[in-house]
């Protein structure tokens, strides 16, 4: 993406108030909620650098740092490049937190490199994950706690990802209802979104809403953190924000708020969409409108340093009993749910019909099975049945709790697979032939019908 010259406007980047030429003597600052940004005259810095201003600020309390630590500790996760883990950090907790507070409040805080690890995906490829150190995660949590309430009031109502009082299930429910009303969907996939965020445009958005210089300084430093691979090799970070960072989801939402949400409202008023981070569904009235939006969106994202995925972005026809057109693409996946024509039973007349409905995707099922296999829970032969249930139930509850909210009968195949794994575990533990292992499984089920979490789910019928 080309940069504007010194005296040119950066209008093409983020077009709704974020632009200013280098000759303008003003900066955009955030005002209290319910008010738009106002203009403040910037003071000449002279010999005072930005860091010297930060040193005078002393804007961070020790309590904020401790609350940031509690959030990081609750989420857990692996350590970064320094090898520090949650447990080892906690051994010298007071010292570590005081050190961080002292550095952040004085302006002398500098984050360490971000550890790059590759997370395998269901299609055989991998997703890069950047892991900051524990100390840097706590620092990011401090800034996030300050910055999130500021930008929340500006975010679009149909932006659902990583936001307070918003959820992926809410996005699925809204998408389902809109698919009943609109015949067409544009399923948008932004190619390597987190890795391609433009740093200068990102900071332009941050500075529009933030007038605390120390926060701006540290966010810029986090974006510029070098990337360290497992073999020790380092590379400079010129684009993107690490997906393992505490503040990265908030920054990503802010970037797409201007790159997509606001742009959609201006360019295609009245067109509805749901966005969960960079996963976007746009509802259209016709195939022609879908194509029109796709062309315009491709150009818009290019202006913001982003690209539509040429294969994963597609136009989808929402086929059901009332929409019987013949089109090649009739399904899409959104936050783990696959939307497609499915048999259903009317709640009022008990009649069968075809609805365009969401259910757990095959990719989500495969990922869950793979994670359970890798955990090797079903290889623990020294466990009792109760021990096994206590170990596996939290995982089952989490997965079923999410995917049972829509079209729960689709989970029957997962229930059968889990039962099969339990039977195999019984056979291995007690060294029984298949028939006797199955009989013992049935006896356990009859005696303790709620022992394993998936046994508590029942899926009668196929209602919408």
Protein backbone atom coordinates (compact mmCIF):
# COMPACT_ATOMS: atom_id res chain seq x y z
CA UNK A 1 0.00 0.00 0.00
CA UNK A 2 1.55 3.31 -1.06
CA UNK A 3 2.07 6.04 1.50
CA UNK A 4 0.92 9.64 1.01
CA UNK A 5 3.69 12.18 0.49
CA UNK A 6 4.47 14.77 3.08
CA UNK A 7 1.75 17.27 2.21
CA UNK A 8 -0.85 14.84 0.89
CA UNK A 9 -3.96 13.79 2.77
CA UNK A 10 -4.25 10.15 3.85
CA UNK A 11 -7.95 10.20 2.97
CA UNK A 12 -7.82 6.87 1.16
CA UNK A 13 -6.84 5.06 4.32
CA UNK A 14 -9.51 5.70 6.94
CA UNK A 15 -12.06 8.13 5.59
CA UNK A 16 -14.17 9.35 8.42
CA UNK A 17 -12.29 11.91 10.45
CA UNK A 18 -8.95 10.18 10.80
CA UNK A 19 -7.26 12.19 8.07
CA UNK A 20 -5.07 15.22 8.48
CA UNK A 21 -2.24 16.66 6.46
CA UNK A 22 1.21 17.10 7.92
CA UNK A 23 0.72 20.88 7.93
CA UNK A 24 -2.31 20.78 10.22
CA UNK A 25 -1.48 21.90 13.72
CA UNK A 26 -4.18 19.86 15.40
CA UNK A 27 -4.69 16.30 16.57
CA UNK A 28 -7.91 14.39 17.21
CA UNK A 29 -8.57 13.55 20.85
CA UNK A 30 -11.30 11.61 22.58
CA UNK A 31 -14.00 13.33 24.60
CA UNK A 32 -16.34 11.71 27.17
CA UNK A 33 -18.90 9.21 25.92
CA UNK A 34 -21.75 10.59 23.91
CA UNK A 35 -19.59 13.38 22.47
CA UNK A 36 -17.68 13.44 19.24
CA UNK A 37 -13.96 14.06 19.15
CA UNK A 38 -12.93 17.66 19.50
CA UNK A 39 -9.85 19.44 18.28
CA UNK A 40 -7.00 20.35 20.57
CA UNK A 41 -4.10 22.48 19.55
CA UNK A 42 -0.89 20.52 19.79
CA UNK A 43 1.82 22.24 21.82
CA UNK A 44 5.31 22.63 20.38
CA UNK A 45 7.48 19.95 21.92
CA UNK A 46 10.81 21.76 21.79
CA UNK A 47 13.34 19.65 23.66
CA UNK A 48 10.66 17.62 25.40
CA UNK A 49 10.25 14.22 23.82
CA UNK A 50 7.10 12.09 24.01
CA UNK A 51 8.80 9.84 26.57
CA UNK A 52 9.60 12.83 28.81
CA UNK A 53 5.91 13.73 28.78
CA UNK A 54 5.09 10.17 29.78
CA UNK A 55 7.53 10.36 32.69
CA UNK A 56 5.65 13.35 34.02
CA UNK A 57 2.28 11.67 33.69
CA UNK A 58 2.51 8.93 36.37
CA UNK A 59 -0.96 7.94 35.21
CA UNK A 60 -0.96 4.28 36.26
CA UNK A 61 -1.89 2.95 39.69
CA UNK A 62 -0.47 -0.20 41.25
CA UNK A 63 -4.02 -1.50 41.60
CA UNK A 64 -4.48 -1.36 37.82
CA UNK A 65 -1.35 -3.47 37.37
CA UNK A 66 -2.56 -6.02 39.89
CA UNK A 67 -5.97 -6.26 38.19
CA UNK A 68 -4.18 -6.74 34.87
CA UNK A 69 -2.22 -9.61 36.40
CA UNK A 70 -5.39 -11.26 37.69
CA UNK A 71 -6.88 -11.22 34.20
CA UNK A 72 -3.75 -12.71 32.65
CA UNK A 73 -3.53 -15.37 35.35
CA UNK A 74 -7.18 -16.35 34.85
CA UNK A 75 -6.64 -16.93 31.13
CA UNK A 76 -3.37 -18.82 31.59
CA UNK A 77 -1.34 -19.77 28.55
CA UNK A 78 2.27 -20.50 27.74
CA UNK A 79 5.24 -18.25 28.44
CA UNK A 80 7.04 -16.03 25.95
CA UNK A 81 10.65 -15.61 24.83
CA UNK A 82 11.99 -15.26 28.39
CA UNK A 83 10.64 -18.67 29.44
CA UNK A 84 8.68 -17.12 32.31
CA UNK A 85 5.48 -19.03 33.06
CA UNK A 86 2.43 -18.05 35.07
CA UNK A 87 3.71 -20.11 38.02
CA UNK A 88 7.27 -18.76 37.99
CA UNK A 89 5.98 -15.19 37.58
CA UNK A 90 3.76 -15.69 40.63
CA UNK A 91 6.66 -16.81 42.82
CA UNK A 92 8.01 -13.24 42.78
CA UNK A 93 4.66 -11.61 42.18
CA UNK A 94 5.03 -8.42 44.24
CA UNK A 95 8.48 -7.73 42.87
CA UNK A 96 7.40 -8.37 39.27
CA UNK A 97 4.28 -6.22 39.50
CA UNK A 98 6.14 -3.37 41.20
CA UNK A 99 8.83 -3.49 38.52
CA UNK A 100 6.22 -3.30 35.78
CA UNK A 101 4.30 -0.48 37.47
CA UNK A 102 7.49 1.52 38.01
CA UNK A 103 8.55 1.16 34.39
CA UNK A 104 5.12 1.84 32.90
CA UNK A 105 4.47 4.90 35.06
CA UNK A 106 7.90 6.37 34.27
CA UNK A 107 7.87 5.74 30.52
CA UNK A 108 10.84 3.37 30.65
CA UNK A 109 8.82 0.22 29.87
CA UNK A 110 9.97 -1.60 26.72
CA UNK A 111 8.33 -4.90 25.72
CA UNK A 112 10.34 -7.96 24.76
CA UNK A 113 10.12 -9.83 21.46
CA UNK A 114 7.02 -11.86 20.65
CA UNK A 115 7.44 -15.64 20.43
CA UNK A 116 6.11 -17.06 17.15
CA UNK A 117 4.51 -20.52 17.26
CA UNK A 118 2.54 -22.33 14.58
CA UNK A 119 -0.90 -23.69 15.49
CA UNK A 120 -2.14 -26.52 13.20
CA UNK A 121 -5.48 -25.95 11.45
CA UNK A 122 -8.07 -28.49 10.39
CA UNK A 123 -7.13 -28.22 6.70
CA UNK A 124 -3.53 -29.24 7.34
CA UNK A 125 -2.12 -25.71 7.26
CA UNK A 126 -0.99 -23.74 10.31
CA UNK A 127 -1.88 -20.41 11.88
CA UNK A 128 0.89 -18.20 13.29
CA UNK A 129 0.39 -17.21 16.91
CA UNK A 130 2.43 -14.51 18.61
CA UNK A 131 2.94 -14.99 22.35
CA UNK A 132 4.15 -12.00 24.43
CA UNK A 133 5.87 -12.57 27.76
CA UNK A 134 3.76 -12.74 30.91
CA UNK A 135 5.02 -9.28 31.95
CA UNK A 136 4.05 -7.81 28.58
CA UNK A 137 0.63 -9.43 28.73
CA UNK A 138 0.00 -7.79 32.10
CA UNK A 139 1.07 -4.44 30.66
CA UNK A 140 -1.29 -4.91 27.71
CA UNK A 141 -4.12 -5.80 30.10
CA UNK A 142 -3.55 -2.49 31.93
CA UNK A 143 -3.83 -0.47 28.72
CA UNK A 144 -6.76 -2.54 27.43
CA UNK A 145 -8.71 -1.88 30.64
CA UNK A 146 -8.22 1.87 30.11
CA UNK A 147 -8.74 1.97 26.35
CA UNK A 148 -11.63 -0.47 25.86
CA UNK A 149 -14.33 1.64 27.59
CA UNK A 150 -13.25 4.60 25.46
CA UNK A 151 -13.79 2.92 22.08
CA UNK A 152 -16.67 0.62 23.00
CA UNK A 153 -19.28 3.34 22.62
CA UNK A 154 -18.14 3.94 19.04
CA UNK A 155 -18.22 0.33 17.84
CA UNK A 156 -20.95 -0.94 15.53
CA UNK A 157 -23.86 -2.88 17.06
CA UNK A 158 -23.21 -5.80 14.67
CA UNK A 159 -19.57 -6.17 15.65
CA UNK A 160 -19.63 -9.14 18.04
CA UNK A 161 -16.07 -10.39 18.50
CA UNK A 162 -14.16 -9.96 21.76
CA UNK A 163 -16.50 -7.34 23.14
CA UNK A 164 -18.16 -6.98 26.56
CA UNK A 165 -21.79 -8.15 26.52
CA UNK A 166 -21.43 -9.52 22.97
CA UNK A 167 -20.98 -13.15 21.95
CA UNK A 168 -20.48 -15.44 18.97
CA UNK A 169 -23.81 -17.14 19.69
CA UNK A 170 -25.56 -13.77 19.49
CA UNK A 171 -23.94 -13.26 16.09
CA UNK A 172 -25.11 -16.72 14.93
CA UNK A 173 -28.68 -16.04 16.06
CA UNK A 174 -28.80 -12.66 14.30
CA UNK A 175 -27.30 -14.17 11.15
CA UNK A 176 -29.85 -16.99 11.16
CA UNK A 177 -32.80 -14.61 11.30
CA UNK A 178 -31.41 -12.40 8.54
CA UNK A 179 -30.75 -15.39 6.30
CA UNK A 180 -34.50 -16.08 6.45
CA UNK A 181 -35.22 -12.55 5.20
CA UNK A 182 -32.49 -12.11 2.58
CA UNK A 183 -31.85 -14.57 -0.26
CA UNK A 184 -28.15 -13.92 -0.68
CA UNK A 185 -25.06 -13.73 1.49
CA UNK A 186 -21.54 -12.48 0.81
CA UNK A 187 -19.21 -14.59 2.94
CA UNK A 188 -16.13 -12.41 3.46
CA UNK A 189 -12.69 -13.78 4.32
CA UNK A 190 -9.82 -11.31 4.85
CA UNK A 191 -6.54 -12.96 3.96
CA UNK A 192 -4.11 -13.10 6.91
CA UNK A 193 -5.85 -10.18 8.59
CA UNK A 194 -3.92 -10.07 11.89
CA UNK A 195 -0.61 -10.36 10.02
CA UNK A 196 -1.31 -7.54 7.55
CA UNK A 197 -2.69 -4.70 9.68
CA UNK A 198 -0.96 -1.46 8.66
CA UNK A 199 0.82 -0.01 11.71
CA UNK A 200 0.50 3.64 10.74
CA UNK A 201 -3.21 3.36 9.96
CA UNK A 202 -3.66 1.45 13.21
CA UNK A 203 -1.96 4.22 15.17
CA UNK A 204 -4.04 6.83 13.34
CA UNK A 205 -7.18 5.13 14.66
CA UNK A 206 -5.71 4.81 18.17
CA UNK A 207 -4.73 8.48 18.29
CA UNK A 208 -8.22 9.55 17.21
CA UNK A 209 -9.70 8.08 20.38
CA UNK A 210 -6.82 8.30 22.86
CA UNK A 211 -5.33 11.46 24.34
CA UNK A 212 -3.15 9.66 26.90
CA UNK A 213 0.33 9.80 25.43
CA UNK A 214 1.72 6.94 27.49
CA UNK A 215 -0.91 4.57 26.08
CA UNK A 216 -0.16 5.67 22.51
CA UNK A 217 3.56 5.19 23.14
CA UNK A 218 3.17 1.64 24.47
CA UNK A 219 0.71 0.53 21.79
CA UNK A 220 3.18 1.69 19.16
CA UNK A 221 5.95 -0.25 20.89
CA UNK A 222 3.84 -3.40 21.00
CA UNK A 223 3.12 -3.18 17.30
CA UNK A 224 6.82 -2.74 16.58
CA UNK A 225 7.95 -5.67 18.76
CA UNK A 226 10.27 -8.02 16.84
CA UNK A 227 9.16 -11.58 16.19
CA UNK A 228 11.29 -14.41 17.55
CA UNK A 229 10.96 -17.91 16.12
CA UNK A 230 11.53 -21.06 18.15
CA UNK A 231 14.96 -21.52 16.57
CA UNK A 232 16.00 -18.11 17.96
CA UNK A 233 15.81 -16.30 14.65
CA UNK A 234 14.34 -12.79 14.89
CA UNK A 235 12.58 -10.65 12.31
CA UNK A 236 11.36 -7.09 12.35
CA UNK A 237 7.63 -6.47 12.69
CA UNK A 238 6.52 -4.08 9.94
CA UNK A 239 2.84 -5.08 9.74
CA UNK A 240 0.26 -6.88 11.84
CA UNK A 241 -0.47 -7.46 15.50
CA UNK A 242 0.20 -10.81 17.25
CA UNK A 243 -2.88 -12.97 17.71
CA UNK A 244 -1.74 -14.02 21.17
CA UNK A 245 -1.57 -10.49 22.48
CA UNK A 246 -4.05 -9.33 25.12
CA UNK A 247 -4.74 -6.04 23.36
CA UNK A 248 -4.66 -7.41 19.79
CA UNK A 249 -8.40 -8.23 19.53
CA UNK A 250 -9.31 -4.71 20.65
CA UNK A 251 -6.91 -3.16 18.14
CA UNK A 252 -8.25 -5.44 15.40
CA UNK A 253 -11.82 -4.35 16.15
CA UNK A 254 -10.79 -0.70 16.05
CA UNK A 255 -9.03 -1.18 12.71
CA UNK A 256 -12.01 -2.91 11.09
CA UNK A 257 -14.39 -0.40 12.65
CA UNK A 258 -12.96 2.14 10.25
CA UNK A 259 -11.83 -0.13 7.44
CA UNK A 260 -15.19 -1.94 7.21
CA UNK A 261 -18.02 -1.10 9.64
CA UNK A 262 -18.18 2.66 9.11
CA UNK A 263 -17.40 2.29 5.42
CA UNK A 264 -20.34 -0.11 4.96
CA UNK A 265 -22.68 2.35 6.67
CA UNK A 266 -21.64 5.13 4.32
CA UNK A 267 -21.26 3.18 1.08
CA UNK A 268 -24.13 0.68 1.40
CA UNK A 269 -26.59 2.15 3.91
CA UNK A 270 -29.28 -0.32 4.88
CA UNK A 271 -27.21 -3.41 4.04
CA UNK A 272 -26.98 -5.61 7.14
CA UNK A 273 -23.97 -7.62 8.27
CA UNK A 274 -22.48 -9.49 11.21
CA UNK A 275 -18.78 -9.25 12.01
CA UNK A 276 -16.91 -11.39 14.50
CA UNK A 277 -13.34 -10.05 14.41
CA UNK A 278 -12.36 -10.60 10.74
CA UNK A 279 -15.14 -13.14 10.05
CA UNK A 280 -17.85 -11.21 8.15
CA UNK A 281 -21.27 -12.10 6.70
CA UNK A 282 -23.10 -9.54 4.52
CA UNK A 283 -26.79 -10.02 3.67
CA UNK A 284 -27.87 -9.02 0.16
CA UNK A 285 -31.15 -8.77 -1.72
CA UNK A 286 -29.83 -10.13 -5.01
CA UNK A 287 -26.87 -11.88 -6.60
CA UNK A 288 -26.08 -8.65 -8.45
CA UNK A 289 -25.92 -6.68 -5.21
CA UNK A 290 -23.60 -9.31 -3.70
CA UNK A 291 -21.23 -8.98 -6.65
CA UNK A 292 -21.35 -5.17 -6.45
CA UNK A 293 -20.46 -5.15 -2.77
CA UNK A 294 -17.66 -7.67 -3.29
CA UNK A 295 -16.00 -5.49 -5.95
CA UNK A 296 -16.30 -2.33 -3.81
CA UNK A 297 -15.10 -4.12 -0.67
CA UNK A 298 -12.05 -5.50 -2.44
CA UNK A 299 -11.05 -1.97 -3.41
CA UNK A 300 -11.76 -0.60 0.07
CA UNK A 301 -9.70 -3.24 1.85
CA UNK A 302 -6.85 -2.71 -0.58
CA UNK A 303 -6.81 0.98 0.42
CA UNK A 304 -6.42 -0.16 4.03
CA UNK A 305 -3.60 -2.60 3.30
CA UNK A 306 -5.84 -5.70 3.41
CA UNK A 307 -6.90 -8.30 0.84
CA UNK A 308 -9.97 -10.45 0.29
CA UNK A 309 -9.14 -14.14 0.15
CA UNK A 310 -9.76 -15.04 -3.51
CA UNK A 311 -10.98 -18.58 -2.77
CA UNK A 312 -12.70 -18.31 0.60
CA UNK A 313 -14.72 -15.17 -0.17
CA UNK A 314 -17.91 -16.31 -1.90
CA UNK A 315 -21.52 -15.46 -2.78
CA UNK A 316 -24.03 -17.88 -1.21
CA UNK A 317 -27.67 -18.57 -2.06
CA UNK A 318 -29.84 -19.18 1.05
CA UNK A 319 -31.91 -22.04 -0.30
CA UNK A 320 -34.94 -23.41 1.58
CA UNK A 321 -38.50 -24.63 0.96
CA UNK A 322 -39.55 -21.21 -0.37
CA UNK A 323 -36.36 -20.38 -2.27
CA UNK A 324 -35.82 -23.10 -4.83
CA UNK A 325 -33.37 -21.51 -7.26
CA UNK A 326 -30.49 -23.57 -8.61
CA UNK A 327 -27.14 -22.07 -7.66
CA UNK A 328 -23.79 -23.78 -7.04
CA UNK A 329 -22.99 -22.40 -3.56
CA UNK A 330 -25.61 -22.97 -0.88
CA UNK A 331 -23.66 -22.98 2.39
CA UNK A 332 -21.14 -21.00 4.43
CA UNK A 333 -19.48 -21.29 7.84
CA UNK A 334 -19.58 -18.53 10.44
CA UNK A 335 -17.90 -18.75 13.89
CA UNK A 336 -17.95 -22.55 13.84
CA UNK A 337 -21.52 -22.99 12.56
CA UNK A 338 -22.26 -24.11 8.99
CA UNK A 339 -25.38 -22.52 7.47
CA UNK A 340 -27.07 -24.62 4.78
CA UNK A 341 -30.45 -26.13 3.79
CA UNK A 342 -31.54 -28.55 6.54
CA UNK A 343 -34.63 -30.54 7.35
CA UNK A 344 -36.67 -29.09 10.20
CA UNK A 345 -40.00 -29.51 11.97
CA UNK A 346 -42.40 -26.63 12.42
CA UNK A 347 -43.09 -25.82 16.05
CA UNK A 348 -46.70 -24.94 15.30
CA UNK A 349 -47.85 -27.64 12.84
CA UNK A 350 -45.28 -30.46 13.23
CA UNK A 351 -44.82 -30.41 9.46
CA UNK A 352 -41.42 -31.05 7.91
CA UNK A 353 -39.82 -28.35 5.77
CA UNK A 354 -36.39 -27.27 4.56
CA UNK A 355 -34.87 -24.32 6.36
CA UNK A 356 -31.59 -22.47 5.87
CA UNK A 357 -30.17 -23.20 9.30
CA UNK A 358 -26.90 -23.25 11.27
CA UNK A 359 -25.40 -26.36 12.89
CA UNK A 360 -21.98 -27.38 14.18
CA UNK A 361 -19.55 -27.50 11.28
CA UNK A 362 -17.56 -30.58 10.36
CA UNK A 363 -14.40 -28.57 10.88
CA UNK A 364 -15.46 -27.79 14.47
CA UNK A 365 -16.21 -31.46 15.12
CA UNK A 366 -12.88 -32.54 13.67
CA UNK A 367 -10.99 -29.98 15.75
CA UNK A 368 -12.71 -31.13 18.94
CA UNK A 369 -11.96 -34.79 18.26
CA UNK A 370 -8.34 -33.96 17.42
CA UNK A 371 -7.87 -31.98 20.63
CA UNK A 372 -9.31 -34.82 22.72
CA UNK A 373 -7.00 -37.33 21.04
CA UNK A 374 -3.97 -35.14 21.64
CA UNK A 375 -4.88 -34.75 25.31
CA UNK A 376 -4.61 -38.55 25.64
CA UNK A 377 -7.33 -38.55 28.29
CA UNK A 378 -8.69 -41.86 27.01
CA UNK A 379 -5.25 -43.44 27.42
CA UNK A 380 -5.35 -43.03 31.22
CA UNK A 381 -6.17 -46.61 32.17
CA UNK A 382 -5.48 -46.08 35.88
CA UNK A 383 -8.51 -43.77 36.10
CA UNK A 384 -11.86 -44.91 37.40
CA UNK A 385 -15.01 -44.16 35.40
CA UNK A 386 -15.67 -41.21 37.71
CA UNK A 387 -12.08 -39.94 37.29
CA UNK A 388 -12.38 -40.13 33.51
CA UNK A 389 -15.69 -38.25 33.55
CA UNK A 390 -14.26 -35.54 35.82
CA UNK A 391 -11.33 -35.08 33.42
CA UNK A 392 -13.23 -35.03 30.13
CA UNK A 393 -16.52 -33.38 31.17
CA UNK A 394 -15.25 -29.76 31.21
CA UNK A 395 -14.15 -30.13 27.59
CA UNK A 396 -17.43 -31.77 26.57
CA UNK A 397 -19.50 -29.19 28.44
CA UNK A 398 -17.69 -26.33 26.73
CA UNK A 399 -18.11 -27.76 23.23
CA UNK A 400 -21.72 -28.93 23.66
CA UNK A 401 -22.64 -25.74 25.48
CA UNK A 402 -21.67 -23.74 22.40
CA UNK A 403 -22.83 -26.01 19.57
CA UNK A 404 -26.08 -27.24 21.11
CA UNK A 405 -27.71 -23.82 20.86
CA UNK A 406 -28.73 -24.24 17.21
CA UNK A 407 -29.90 -27.44 15.49
CA UNK A 408 -28.73 -29.68 18.36
CA UNK A 409 -29.73 -32.92 16.60
CA UNK A 410 -26.60 -32.47 14.46
CA UNK A 411 -24.54 -33.37 17.55
CA UNK A 412 -25.72 -36.99 17.54
CA UNK A 413 -22.65 -38.06 15.55
CA UNK A 414 -20.36 -36.50 18.15
CA UNK A 415 -22.24 -38.31 20.92
CA UNK A 416 -21.74 -41.63 19.12
CA UNK A 417 -18.04 -40.94 18.70
CA UNK A 418 -17.61 -40.09 22.39
CA UNK A 419 -19.46 -43.27 23.40
CA UNK A 420 -17.17 -45.27 21.13
CA UNK A 421 -14.09 -43.74 22.77
CA UNK A 422 -15.45 -44.63 26.22
CA UNK A 423 -16.10 -48.22 25.15
CA UNK A 424 -12.56 -48.47 23.78
CA UNK A 425 -11.25 -47.09 27.09
CA UNK A 426 -13.26 -49.70 29.05
CA UNK A 427 -12.00 -52.47 26.78
CA UNK A 428 -8.38 -51.37 27.27
CA UNK A 429 -8.68 -50.77 31.02
CA UNK A 430 -10.30 -54.10 31.87
CA UNK A 431 -8.85 -56.10 28.96
CA UNK A 432 -12.30 -57.14 27.78
CA UNK A 433 -13.54 -58.32 24.37
CA UNK A 434 -15.64 -55.82 22.46
CA UNK A 435 -19.02 -57.35 23.33
CA UNK A 436 -18.39 -57.40 27.09
CA UNK A 437 -16.91 -53.89 27.05
CA UNK A 438 -20.06 -52.64 25.37
CA UNK A 439 -22.25 -54.43 27.93
CA UNK A 440 -20.31 -52.81 30.78
CA UNK A 441 -20.69 -49.43 29.07
CA UNK A 442 -24.48 -49.91 28.87
CA UNK A 443 -24.61 -50.92 32.52
CA UNK A 444 -22.69 -47.79 33.56
CA UNK A 445 -25.05 -45.67 31.47
CA UNK A 446 -28.13 -47.21 33.13
CA UNK A 447 -26.73 -46.79 36.63
CA UNK A 448 -25.28 -43.29 36.15
CA UNK A 449 -27.10 -41.67 33.21
CA UNK A 450 -25.56 -38.24 33.87
CA UNK A 451 -21.97 -39.39 34.51
CA UNK A 452 -20.60 -38.10 31.19
CA UNK A 453 -21.66 -34.64 30.12
CA UNK A 454 -22.88 -35.56 26.62
CA UNK A 455 -25.29 -38.09 28.11
CA UNK A 456 -27.24 -35.20 29.59
CA UNK A 457 -28.09 -33.83 26.15
CA UNK A 458 -31.16 -35.19 24.39
CA UNK A 459 -32.11 -34.16 20.87
CA UNK A 460 -35.72 -35.08 20.04
CA UNK A 461 -36.94 -33.94 16.63
CA UNK A 462 -35.42 -31.33 14.36
CA UNK A 463 -37.17 -28.11 15.27
CA UNK A 464 -35.82 -24.77 14.15
